[in-house]
Amino acid sequence: MASLASAFSLLAEPATNCLCGHKLASLLKDHYGYSSSEIRSLFDKSGFSTDAVLNYEDFLRLFGKGSETSGASALSGDAFFQHLTARLRAEVDAKIRKSQADLRQRYDEALTKQRRDFANSLDKLGARLFGATDSSADDAHADSFAEASALKQTLAKLRTAARPHLDRTVVPFTAELALTLQEVVEETQVLRSYAEKCLAALRLEFVPVGITGREFPIKVSPAVETVQAVKRRLREEHDLGGSVPKLCASGGAVVMKDSDTLMSYDLAADISIILTNPLMDNELLRFRFDNPVDLAYEEVSKQQGTFERPESVIPVDTLGRTGIEFTGRSILRLPNEIQLARQWTVALWMLAPIDVRHHNFRDLLDSATQPQSRMAVILDRGRLGCYNSGYIEAWNVSQLSDGWHHLAVVGENQVTTFYIDGQEIGCVQGQPEGSIGVVGNSVGHQESWGVMSDLRIFGHAADEFQVRQILQESWPDWPGPEVDNWQSAVAAHNQIGQENDQGSDTDSEQ
């Protein structure tokens, strides 16, 4: 009976000092091999069901005095207690072994990390004191480092060499001396160019990781490439579209500055990349003009604009796009005025050919209360520009092939830049700012824009990637324009401009 009492105390709920029949039945089935029929027989003969809640006296009726259970299914109190004790001891031993294994694993991991950190610290200290390379570096790397160290030591000797005659405030002129010193200058410039090429040749694989765990591997030259240049290449090589990458070091705590070179940061540590889209996050206005019975619906505010002279507004459906044509004095007033601030982007589709001979002026946007004061985009005899800032003189809409073409205009830093079909065609100094209240014309004038589709305005200055994103998002299956003569001419002009900019940068550095 003592064994049964001990078994009951182990199994019973402390709060009620009772045992659930279901719990006992599961124990008999899982640990003692009782079949379901044997368990039912045991409970039935004792006058209980498995739903019953058993006290100690009930428990005795099952296994102790008064139990009518006999044969193979009978279980003595001593045997029951011994089996229960053995099972509990086995469970406790298993938990102890697991805890010991977990403790040893954590200890081994901590010890390994300490050893690795100590080895890295020694490597960094050695590199600082002796110019040592990583012990695992290959022979080519070691030889390159040795050559660079020797070159540095030679230059140090040249700098510290005594030159008592040349160091004087005034040195008598001779042509031979001047030519010799000119050759020294040229040689040092050659040496500088050589060293810069060597810096550019130092390459590694840079792998920033996104918040989803996606990796963005790219080959970089950390000594010469800036963070901004690498972000641009990331967008190109990983097809990030209009998303703008932000690189963060030190576990995301430090945002890497665009002007810094990559080697300003510890590239061996985790570098994270965060993708944002400030353009789409700052959309101010969108008229799709895709519903001929509701052309005035503005998508961002979800409100209706108001047409003046609606009889002069014509729905358009041609060549794969729907749109609107403003004629005469027709105009669309916005449901709410929007502000062109320090940064903005305007984008739309326009349909060529465009009559530039009989319809000289075409106004896209303007103030609702001060006509012709906010004409941020205007066509003047086919020249694109801003009313108060000037025009792109080297390009004309008459050069466009027939069909739909995408126009994007970007204002930032007091410069307005124009793009046709995703390609920059030029810029003008000056940037319109202020409230915009009407589209398609100027109030009270006959300078209607003509045909347009999917007019959008953003409170952010789009770059070339985002300009192309706007185009593709607006018309994913756009077949593209025919190859126009203006495209190759503009591309050549832009290439010359980039080369001149690079030359100016080099001159300023020297």
Foldseek 3Di string as FASTA:
>chain_A
DVLLVVVLVVAADVVVQKHQLLVVVCCCVPQVPDDPVLSQVLQVQLPHDNRDIGHSVSSCCSANPVPPDDDPSHDHSNRVSVSVVVVVVVVVVVVVVVVVVVVVVVVVVVVVVVVVVVVVVVQVVCCVPPVDDDPPDDPVVVVVSVVVVVVVVVVVCVVPDDDPQVPDPDHDDDPVVVVVVVVVVVVVVVVVVVVVVVLQPDKDWQWAAEPVRDTQIDIGRQSPAFPQNVQVVSCVVVVVFQWGKWKAPPVRPHTGDRGHGNVVGDRVGHIHIYTDRQFVVFWDWKQQLQDVVQRQQIPPVRDGWDKDPCVQKDWDDDDHGTWIWHFFQIWTWHPDKDWQPQKKKKKWKDFDDDDLPPQAKAAFWDAPPDWLQQRQWMHGSQWTGHSPWDTLPVDGSNQFDGGIKMWMWIHHPQKIWIDINLHTQDITGGGGITITTMGQHTHPDRRGHTIIGIIIMGNHGGDSSNSNVVVCVSPVVPPDGDDTPSVVVSVVVVVVVVVVVVVVVVVVVD
